[in-house]
Amino acid sequence: MRAPPGPPTRGTSTPSPRPRGRGVGDRLIAAVEGWARRRGSTTLTLAVLPGNEPAVALYRRNGIVDTTARGDLLADGVTRELVMGKSLH
């Protein structure tokens, strides 16, 4: 399967909690980073739901940090996604 030309697109990933602690998330992030670099991307940006501490910890462990970008507004009309990013230079 090939991605369309242009910048990498946004997707959603909701893995099962069963594989936690086995490095699956770390390998997935490494694969996405490699894919983004091969496509010429210079930044990896993602959004995570507030309170999803296991995901935030995974991202931070892989060098992905909080940004000042405003995330999408959630269904409650008040809360926004947390936007995180990593330079791929």
PDB file of N, CA and C in Angstrom:
ATOM      1  N   MET A   1       0.829  -1.166   0.000  1.00  0.00           N
ATOM      2  CA  MET A   1       0.000   0.000   0.000  1.00  0.00           C
ATOM      3  C   MET A   1       0.883   1.242   0.000  1.00  0.00           C
ATOM      4  N   ARG A   2       0.587   2.202  -0.847  1.00  0.00           N
ATOM      5  CA  ARG A   2       1.362   3.436  -0.931  1.00  0.00           C
ATOM      6  C   ARG A   2       0.531   4.615  -0.474  1.00  0.00           C
ATOM      7  N   ALA A   3       1.183   5.541   0.200  1.00  0.00           N
ATOM      8  CA  ALA A   3       0.514   6.765   0.624  1.00  0.00           C
ATOM      9  C   ALA A   3       0.455   7.724  -0.556  1.00  0.00           C
ATOM     10  N   PRO A   4      -0.572   8.578  -0.619  1.00  0.00           N
ATOM     11  CA  PRO A   4      -0.637   9.562  -1.690  1.00  0.00           C
ATOM     12  C   PRO A   4       0.503  10.561  -1.563  1.00  0.00           C
ATOM     13  N   PRO A   5       0.877  11.237  -2.677  1.00  0.00           N
ATOM     14  CA  PRO A   5       1.948  12.232  -2.587  1.00  0.00           C
ATOM     15  C   PRO A   5       1.545  13.378  -1.667  1.00  0.00           C
ATOM     16  N   GLY A   6       2.532  14.103  -1.185  1.00  0.00           N
ATOM     17  CA  GLY A   6       2.266  15.235  -0.301  1.00  0.00           C
ATOM     18  C   GLY A   6       2.651  14.910   1.122  1.00  0.00           C
ATOM     19  N   PRO A   7       2.320  15.827   2.028  1.00  0.00           N
ATOM     20  CA  PRO A   7       2.716  15.607   3.425  1.00  0.00           C
ATOM     21  C   PRO A   7       1.966  14.432   4.037  1.00  0.00           C
ATOM     22  N   PRO A   8       2.585  13.777   5.004  1.00  0.00           N
ATOM     23  CA  PRO A   8       1.890  12.680   5.677  1.00  0.00           C
ATOM     24  C   PRO A   8       0.565  13.158   6.251  1.00  0.00           C
ATOM     25  N   THR A   9      -0.392  12.276   6.251  1.00  0.00           N
ATOM     26  CA  THR A   9      -1.731  12.636   6.694  1.00  0.00           C
ATOM     27  C   THR A   9      -1.985  12.200   8.119  1.00  0.00           C
ATOM     28  N   ARG A  10      -3.027  12.740   8.664  1.00  0.00           N
ATOM     29  CA  ARG A  10      -3.422  12.422  10.027  1.00  0.00           C
ATOM     30  C   ARG A  10      -4.219  11.131  10.056  1.00  0.00           C
ATOM     31  N   GLY A  11      -3.940  10.318  11.035  1.00  0.00           N
ATOM     32  CA  GLY A  11      -4.685   9.084  11.219  1.00  0.00           C
ATOM     33  C   GLY A  11      -4.955   8.870  12.693  1.00  0.00           C
ATOM     34  N   THR A  12      -5.728   7.862  12.986  1.00  0.00           N
ATOM     35  CA  THR A  12      -6.059   7.551  14.366  1.00  0.00           C
ATOM     36  C   THR A  12      -5.612   6.139  14.679  1.00  0.00           C
ATOM     37  N   SER A  13      -5.035   5.962  15.835  1.00  0.00           N
ATOM     38  CA  SER A  13      -4.602   4.649  16.276  1.00  0.00           C
ATOM     39  C   SER A  13      -5.103   4.422  17.696  1.00  0.00           C
ATOM     40  N   THR A  14      -5.806   3.335  17.887  1.00  0.00           N
ATOM     41  CA  THR A  14      -6.276   2.970  19.216  1.00  0.00           C
ATOM     42  C   THR A  14      -5.936   1.506  19.452  1.00  0.00           C
ATOM     43  N   PRO A  15      -4.700   1.241  19.911  1.00  0.00           N
ATOM     44  CA  PRO A  15      -4.295  -0.155  20.105  1.00  0.00           C
ATOM     45  C   PRO A  15      -4.968  -0.788  21.306  1.00  0.00           C
ATOM     46  N   SER A  16      -5.019  -2.090  21.286  1.00  0.00           N
ATOM     47  CA  SER A  16      -5.528  -2.849  22.416  1.00  0.00           C
ATOM     48  C   SER A  16      -4.576  -2.685  23.598  1.00  0.00           C
ATOM     49  N   PRO A  17      -5.086  -2.616  24.820  1.00  0.00           N
ATOM     50  CA  PRO A  17      -4.191  -2.493  25.973  1.00  0.00           C
ATOM     51  C   PRO A  17      -3.390  -3.766  26.254  1.00  0.00           C
ATOM     52  N   ARG A  18      -3.753  -4.888  25.667  1.00  0.00           N
ATOM     53  CA  ARG A  18      -3.070  -6.156  25.961  1.00  0.00           C
ATOM     54  C   ARG A  18      -1.574  -6.145  25.691  1.00  0.00           C
ATOM     55  N   PRO A  19      -1.091  -5.552  24.578  1.00  0.00           N
ATOM     56  CA  PRO A  19       0.353  -5.637  24.337  1.00  0.00           C
ATOM     57  C   PRO A  19       1.196  -4.633  25.112  1.00  0.00           C
ATOM     58  N   ARG A  20       0.605  -3.875  26.022  1.00  0.00           N
ATOM     59  CA  ARG A  20       1.389  -2.878  26.762  1.00  0.00           C
ATOM     60  C   ARG A  20       2.568  -3.527  27.466  1.00  0.00           C
ATOM     61  N   GLY A  21       3.689  -2.814  27.421  1.00  0.00           N
ATOM     62  CA  GLY A  21       4.897  -3.293  28.083  1.00  0.00           C
ATOM     63  C   GLY A  21       5.733  -4.220  27.230  1.00  0.00           C
ATOM     64  N   ARG A  22       5.360  -4.405  25.980  1.00  0.00           N
ATOM     65  CA  ARG A  22       6.111  -5.310  25.098  1.00  0.00           C
ATOM     66  C   ARG A  22       6.857  -4.566  23.996  1.00  0.00           C
ATOM     67  N   GLY A  23       6.823  -3.228  24.024  1.00  0.00           N
ATOM     68  CA  GLY A  23       7.559  -2.448  23.029  1.00  0.00           C
ATOM     69  C   GLY A  23       6.843  -2.243  21.715  1.00  0.00           C
ATOM     70  N   VAL A  24       5.579  -2.651  21.633  1.00  0.00           N
ATOM     71  CA  VAL A  24       4.828  -2.513  20.380  1.00  0.00           C
ATOM     72  C   VAL A  24       4.690  -1.035  20.006  1.00  0.00           C
ATOM     73  N   GLY A  25       4.333  -0.191  20.973  1.00  0.00           N
ATOM     74  CA  GLY A  25       4.172   1.230  20.705  1.00  0.00           C
ATOM     75  C   GLY A  25       5.468   1.886  20.257  1.00  0.00           C
ATOM     76  N   ASP A  26       6.584   1.526  20.905  1.00  0.00           N
ATOM     77  CA  ASP A  26       7.885   2.067  20.524  1.00  0.00           C
ATOM     78  C   ASP A  26       8.234   1.681  19.085  1.00  0.00           C
ATOM     79  N   ARG A  27       7.964   0.442  18.724  1.00  0.00           N
ATOM     80  CA  ARG A  27       8.259  -0.011  17.354  1.00  0.00           C
ATOM     81  C   ARG A  27       7.357   0.676  16.342  1.00  0.00           C
ATOM     82  N   LEU A  28       6.099   0.886  16.709  1.00  0.00           N
ATOM     83  CA  LEU A  28       5.172   1.566  15.814  1.00  0.00           C
ATOM     84  C   LEU A  28       5.614   3.012  15.583  1.00  0.00           C
ATOM     85  N   ILE A  29       6.001   3.702  16.641  1.00  0.00           N
ATOM     86  CA  ILE A  29       6.476   5.080  16.492  1.00  0.00           C
ATOM     87  C   ILE A  29       7.739   5.114  15.631  1.00  0.00           C
ATOM     88  N   ALA A  30       8.671   4.199  15.849  1.00  0.00           N
ATOM     89  CA  ALA A  30       9.885   4.151  15.031  1.00  0.00           C
ATOM     90  C   ALA A  30       9.543   3.926  13.555  1.00  0.00           C
ATOM     91  N   ALA A  31       8.570   3.074  13.293  1.00  0.00           N
ATOM     92  CA  ALA A  31       8.165   2.813  11.905  1.00  0.00           C
ATOM     93  C   ALA A  31       7.538   4.056  11.276  1.00  0.00           C
ATOM     94  N   VAL A  32       6.698   4.755  12.023  1.00  0.00           N
ATOM     95  CA  VAL A  32       6.070   5.979  11.503  1.00  0.00           C
ATOM     96  C   VAL A  32       7.133   7.052  11.262  1.00  0.00           C
ATOM     97  N   GLU A  33       8.082   7.190  12.181  1.00  0.00           N
ATOM     98  CA  GLU A  33       9.160   8.159  11.989  1.00  0.00           C
ATOM     99  C   GLU A  33       9.963   7.842  10.737  1.00  0.00           C
ATOM    100  N   GLY A  34      10.300   6.577  10.544  1.00  0.00           N
ATOM    101  CA  GLY A  34      11.046   6.179   9.347  1.00  0.00           C
ATOM    102  C   GLY A  34      10.272   6.486   8.079  1.00  0.00           C
ATOM    103  N   TRP A  35       8.993   6.164   8.084  1.00  0.00           N
ATOM    104  CA  TRP A  35       8.127   6.441   6.930  1.00  0.00           C
ATOM    105  C   TRP A  35       8.086   7.931   6.641  1.00  0.00           C
ATOM    106  N   ALA A  36       7.907   8.755   7.696  1.00  0.00           N
ATOM    107  CA  ALA A  36       7.827  10.204   7.519  1.00  0.00           C
ATOM    108  C   ALA A  36       9.144  10.765   6.983  1.00  0.00           C
ATOM    109  N   ARG A  37      10.259  10.272   7.493  1.00  0.00           N
ATOM    110  CA  ARG A  37      11.568  10.730   7.006  1.00  0.00           C
ATOM    111  C   ARG A  37      11.761  10.370   5.533  1.00  0.00           C
ATOM    112  N   ARG A  38      11.395   9.164   5.161  1.00  0.00           N
ATOM    113  CA  ARG A  38      11.537   8.744   3.756  1.00  0.00           C
ATOM    114  C   ARG A  38      10.699   9.617   2.832  1.00  0.00           C
ATOM    115  N   ARG A  39       9.619  10.137   3.328  1.00  0.00           N
ATOM    116  CA  ARG A  39       8.744  11.013   2.537  1.00  0.00           C
ATOM    117  C   ARG A  39       9.206  12.464   2.570  1.00  0.00           C
ATOM    118  N   GLY A  40      10.285  12.735   3.301  1.00  0.00           N
ATOM    119  CA  GLY A  40      10.828  14.076   3.344  1.00  0.00           C
ATOM    120  C   GLY A  40      10.241  14.979   4.416  1.00  0.00           C
ATOM    121  N   SER A  41       9.501  14.413   5.339  1.00  0.00           N
ATOM    122  CA  SER A  41       8.924  15.219   6.416  1.00  0.00           C
ATOM    123  C   SER A  41      10.016  15.654   7.387  1.00  0.00           C
ATOM    124  N   THR A  42       9.844  16.824   7.951  1.00  0.00           N
ATOM    125  CA  THR A  42      10.808  17.338   8.918  1.00  0.00           C
ATOM    126  C   THR A  42      10.250  17.366  10.331  1.00  0.00           C
ATOM    127  N   THR A  43       8.950  17.146  10.464  1.00  0.00           N
ATOM    128  CA  THR A  43       8.306  17.178  11.772  1.00  0.00           C
ATOM    129  C   THR A  43       7.253  16.082  11.866  1.00  0.00           C
ATOM    130  N   LEU A  44       7.179  15.461  13.006  1.00  0.00           N
ATOM    131  CA  LEU A  44       6.121  14.506  13.303  1.00  0.00           C
ATOM    132  C   LEU A  44       5.207  15.178  14.321  1.00  0.00           C
ATOM    133  N   THR A  45       3.928  15.290  14.006  1.00  0.00           N
ATOM    134  CA  THR A  45       2.967  15.926  14.890  1.00  0.00           C
ATOM    135  C   THR A  45       1.802  14.975  15.121  1.00  0.00           C
ATOM    136  N   LEU A  46       1.331  14.927  16.352  1.00  0.00           N
ATOM    137  CA  LEU A  46       0.194  14.064  16.670  1.00  0.00           C
ATOM    138  C   LEU A  46      -0.665  14.726  17.725  1.00  0.00           C
ATOM    139  N   ALA A  47      -1.856  14.221  17.875  1.00  0.00           N
ATOM    140  CA  ALA A  47      -2.766  14.718  18.900  1.00  0.00           C
ATOM    141  C   ALA A  47      -3.216  13.540  19.757  1.00  0.00           C
ATOM    142  N   VAL A  48      -3.377  13.809  21.029  1.00  0.00           N
ATOM    143  CA  VAL A  48      -3.782  12.773  21.973  1.00  0.00           C
ATOM    144  C   VAL A  48      -4.879  13.349  22.871  1.00  0.00           C
ATOM    145  N   LEU A  49      -5.786  12.503  23.289  1.00  0.00           N
ATOM    146  CA  LEU A  49      -6.854  12.954  24.174  1.00  0.00           C
ATOM    147  C   LEU A  49      -6.302  13.278  25.555  1.00  0.00           C
ATOM    148  N   PRO A  50      -6.744  14.365  26.148  1.00  0.00           N
ATOM    149  CA  PRO A  50      -6.313  14.689  27.508  1.00  0.00           C
ATOM    150  C   PRO A  50      -6.645  13.534  28.451  1.00  0.00           C
ATOM    151  N   GLY A  51      -5.734  13.250  29.345  1.00  0.00           N
ATOM    152  CA  GLY A  51      -5.949  12.177  30.308  1.00  0.00           C
ATOM    153  C   GLY A  51      -5.460  10.811  29.844  1.00  0.00           C
ATOM    154  N   ASN A  52      -5.025  10.692  28.594  1.00  0.00           N
ATOM    155  CA  ASN A  52      -4.515   9.416  28.098  1.00  0.00           C
ATOM    156  C   ASN A  52      -3.031   9.331  28.461  1.00  0.00           C
ATOM    157  N   GLU A  53      -2.770   9.194  29.741  1.00  0.00           N
ATOM    158  CA  GLU A  53      -1.395   9.208  30.255  1.00  0.00           C
ATOM    159  C   GLU A  53      -0.515   8.092  29.708  1.00  0.00           C
ATOM    160  N   PRO A  54      -1.024   6.869  29.479  1.00  0.00           N
ATOM    161  CA  PRO A  54      -0.146   5.856  28.885  1.00  0.00           C
ATOM    162  C   PRO A  54       0.373   6.283  27.507  1.00  0.00           C
ATOM    163  N   ALA A  55      -0.480   6.896  26.689  1.00  0.00           N
ATOM    164  CA  ALA A  55      -0.048   7.357  25.366  1.00  0.00           C
ATOM    165  C   ALA A  55       0.941   8.509  25.489  1.00  0.00           C
ATOM    166  N   VAL A  56       0.640   9.472  26.367  1.00  0.00           N
ATOM    167  CA  VAL A  56       1.536  10.611  26.553  1.00  0.00           C
ATOM    168  C   VAL A  56       2.910  10.132  27.011  1.00  0.00           C
ATOM    169  N   ALA A  57       2.952   9.180  27.923  1.00  0.00           N
ATOM    170  CA  ALA A  57       4.232   8.635  28.404  1.00  0.00           C
ATOM    171  C   ALA A  57       4.994   7.952  27.271  1.00  0.00           C
ATOM    172  N   LEU A  58       4.296   7.197  26.447  1.00  0.00           N
ATOM    173  CA  LEU A  58       4.919   6.539  25.287  1.00  0.00           C
ATOM    174  C   LEU A  58       5.527   7.579  24.364  1.00  0.00           C
ATOM    175  N   TYR A  59       4.766   8.613  24.027  1.00  0.00           N
ATOM    176  CA  TYR A  59       5.256   9.635  23.108  1.00  0.00           C
ATOM    177  C   TYR A  59       6.461  10.360  23.699  1.00  0.00           C
ATOM    178  N   ARG A  60       6.377  10.745  24.957  1.00  0.00           N
ATOM    179  CA  ARG A  60       7.497  11.457  25.593  1.00  0.00           C
ATOM    180  C   ARG A  60       8.748  10.586  25.636  1.00  0.00           C
ATOM    181  N   ARG A  61       8.569   9.303  25.909  1.00  0.00           N
ATOM    182  CA  ARG A  61       9.707   8.376  25.942  1.00  0.00           C
ATOM    183  C   ARG A  61      10.408   8.312  24.586  1.00  0.00           C
ATOM    184  N   ASN A  62       9.663   8.604  23.528  1.00  0.00           N
ATOM    185  CA  ASN A  62      10.202   8.569  22.167  1.00  0.00           C
ATOM    186  C   ASN A  62      10.563   9.959  21.648  1.00  0.00           C
ATOM    187  N   GLY A  63      10.711  10.932  22.560  1.00  0.00           N
ATOM    188  CA  GLY A  63      11.178  12.258  22.177  1.00  0.00           C
ATOM    189  C   GLY A  63      10.116  13.181  21.617  1.00  0.00           C
ATOM    190  N   ILE A  64       8.863  12.807  21.742  1.00  0.00           N
ATOM    191  CA  ILE A  64       7.754  13.631  21.263  1.00  0.00           C
ATOM    192  C   ILE A  64       7.309  14.494  22.438  1.00  0.00           C
ATOM    193  N   VAL A  65       7.254  15.792  22.223  1.00  0.00           N
ATOM    194  CA  VAL A  65       7.002  16.733  23.325  1.00  0.00           C
ATOM    195  C   VAL A  65       5.741  17.550  23.079  1.00  0.00           C
ATOM    196  N   ASP A  66       5.232  18.158  24.147  1.00  0.00           N
ATOM    197  CA  ASP A  66       4.072  19.039  24.043  1.00  0.00           C
ATOM    198  C   ASP A  66       4.425  20.226  23.151  1.00  0.00           C
ATOM    199  N   THR A  67       3.444  20.707  22.407  1.00  0.00           N
ATOM    200  CA  THR A  67       3.616  21.910  21.596  1.00  0.00           C
ATOM    201  C   THR A  67       2.637  22.969  22.100  1.00  0.00           C
ATOM    202  N   THR A  68       2.735  24.150  21.524  1.00  0.00           N
ATOM    203  CA  THR A  68       1.802  25.217  21.871  1.00  0.00           C
ATOM    204  C   THR A  68       0.612  25.245  20.913  1.00  0.00           C
ATOM    205  N   ALA A  69       0.583  24.340  19.949  1.00  0.00           N
ATOM    206  CA  ALA A  69      -0.521  24.294  18.987  1.00  0.00           C
ATOM    207  C   ALA A  69      -1.826  23.930  19.692  1.00  0.00           C
ATOM    208  N   ARG A  70      -2.901  24.504  19.210  1.00  0.00           N
ATOM    209  CA  ARG A  70      -4.226  24.194  19.769  1.00  0.00           C
ATOM    210  C   ARG A  70      -4.771  22.969  19.062  1.00  0.00           C
ATOM    211  N   GLY A  71      -5.139  21.973  19.852  1.00  0.00           N
ATOM    212  CA  GLY A  71      -5.725  20.767  19.293  1.00  0.00           C
ATOM    213  C   GLY A  71      -7.173  20.983  18.903  1.00  0.00           C
ATOM    214  N   ASP A  72      -7.723  20.011  18.212  1.00  0.00           N
ATOM    215  CA  ASP A  72      -9.132  20.074  17.828  1.00  0.00           C
ATOM    216  C   ASP A  72     -10.013  20.111  19.069  1.00  0.00           C
ATOM    217  N   LEU A  73     -11.111  20.782  18.934  1.00  0.00           N
ATOM    218  CA  LEU A  73     -12.103  20.856  19.989  1.00  0.00           C
ATOM    219  C   LEU A  73     -12.838  19.518  20.075  1.00  0.00           C
ATOM    220  N   LEU A  74     -12.993  19.005  21.282  1.00  0.00           N
ATOM    221  CA  LEU A  74     -13.671  17.728  21.475  1.00  0.00           C
ATOM    222  C   LEU A  74     -15.180  17.933  21.565  1.00  0.00           C
ATOM    223  N   ALA A  75     -15.908  16.851  21.627  1.00  0.00           N
ATOM    224  CA  ALA A  75     -17.369  16.876  21.579  1.00  0.00           C
ATOM    225  C   ALA A  75     -18.007  17.692  22.707  1.00  0.00           C
ATOM    226  N   ASP A  76     -17.305  17.841  23.836  1.00  0.00           N
ATOM    227  CA  ASP A  76     -17.895  18.614  24.934  1.00  0.00           C
ATOM    228  C   ASP A  76     -17.901  20.113  24.655  1.00  0.00           C
ATOM    229  N   GLY A  77     -17.230  20.528  23.580  1.00  0.00           N
ATOM    230  CA  GLY A  77     -17.204  21.925  23.197  1.00  0.00           C
ATOM    231  C   GLY A  77     -16.262  22.793  24.008  1.00  0.00           C
ATOM    232  N   VAL A  78     -15.515  22.186  24.932  1.00  0.00           N
ATOM    233  CA  VAL A  78     -14.618  22.934  25.808  1.00  0.00           C
ATOM    234  C   VAL A  78     -13.198  22.392  25.736  1.00  0.00           C
ATOM    235  N   THR A  79     -13.057  21.089  25.859  1.00  0.00           N
ATOM    236  CA  THR A  79     -11.758  20.427  25.930  1.00  0.00           C
ATOM    237  C   THR A  79     -11.147  20.297  24.538  1.00  0.00           C
ATOM    238  N   ARG A  80      -9.837  20.447  24.488  1.00  0.00           N
ATOM    239  CA  ARG A  80      -9.115  20.282  23.224  1.00  0.00           C
ATOM    240  C   ARG A  80      -8.104  19.140  23.330  1.00  0.00           C
ATOM    241  N   GLU A  81      -7.780  18.554  22.184  1.00  0.00           N
ATOM    242  CA  GLU A  81      -6.720  17.551  22.124  1.00  0.00           C
ATOM    243  C   GLU A  81      -5.397  18.191  22.533  1.00  0.00           C
ATOM    244  N   LEU A  82      -4.493  17.387  23.070  1.00  0.00           N
ATOM    245  CA  LEU A  82      -3.128  17.809  23.350  1.00  0.00           C
ATOM    246  C   LEU A  82      -2.320  17.527  22.085  1.00  0.00           C
ATOM    247  N   VAL A  83      -1.654  18.554  21.559  1.00  0.00           N
ATOM    248  CA  VAL A  83      -0.845  18.392  20.345  1.00  0.00           C
ATOM    249  C   VAL A  83       0.603  18.239  20.756  1.00  0.00           C
ATOM    250  N   MET A  84       1.260  17.202  20.233  1.00  0.00           N
ATOM    251  CA  MET A  84       2.641  16.890  20.544  1.00  0.00           C
ATOM    252  C   MET A  84       3.426  16.778  19.249  1.00  0.00           C
ATOM    253  N   GLY A  85       4.738  16.974  19.315  1.00  0.00           N
ATOM    254  CA  GLY A  85       5.525  16.911  18.095  1.00  0.00           C
ATOM    255  C   GLY A  85       6.973  16.558  18.338  1.00  0.00           C
ATOM    256  N   LYS A  86       7.661  16.271  17.221  1.00  0.00           N
ATOM    257  CA  LYS A  86       9.078  15.919  17.267  1.00  0.00           C
ATOM    258  C   LYS A  86       9.719  16.348  15.961  1.00  0.00           C
ATOM    259  N   SER A  87      10.871  17.013  16.070  1.00  0.00           N
ATOM    260  CA  SER A  87      11.632  17.371  14.886  1.00  0.00           C
ATOM    261  C   SER A  87      12.299  16.109  14.333  1.00  0.00           C
ATOM    262  N   LEU A  88      12.270  15.951  13.029  1.00  0.00           N
ATOM    263  CA  LEU A  88      12.880  14.772  12.406  1.00  0.00           C
ATOM    264  C   LEU A  88      14.200  15.130  11.715  1.00  0.00           C
ATOM    265  N   HIS A  89      14.794  16.248  12.060  1.00  0.00           N
ATOM    266  CA  HIS A  89      16.083  16.654  11.465  1.00  0.00           C
ATOM    267  C   HIS A  89      17.176  15.766  11.945  1.00  0.00           C
TER     268      HIS A  89
END
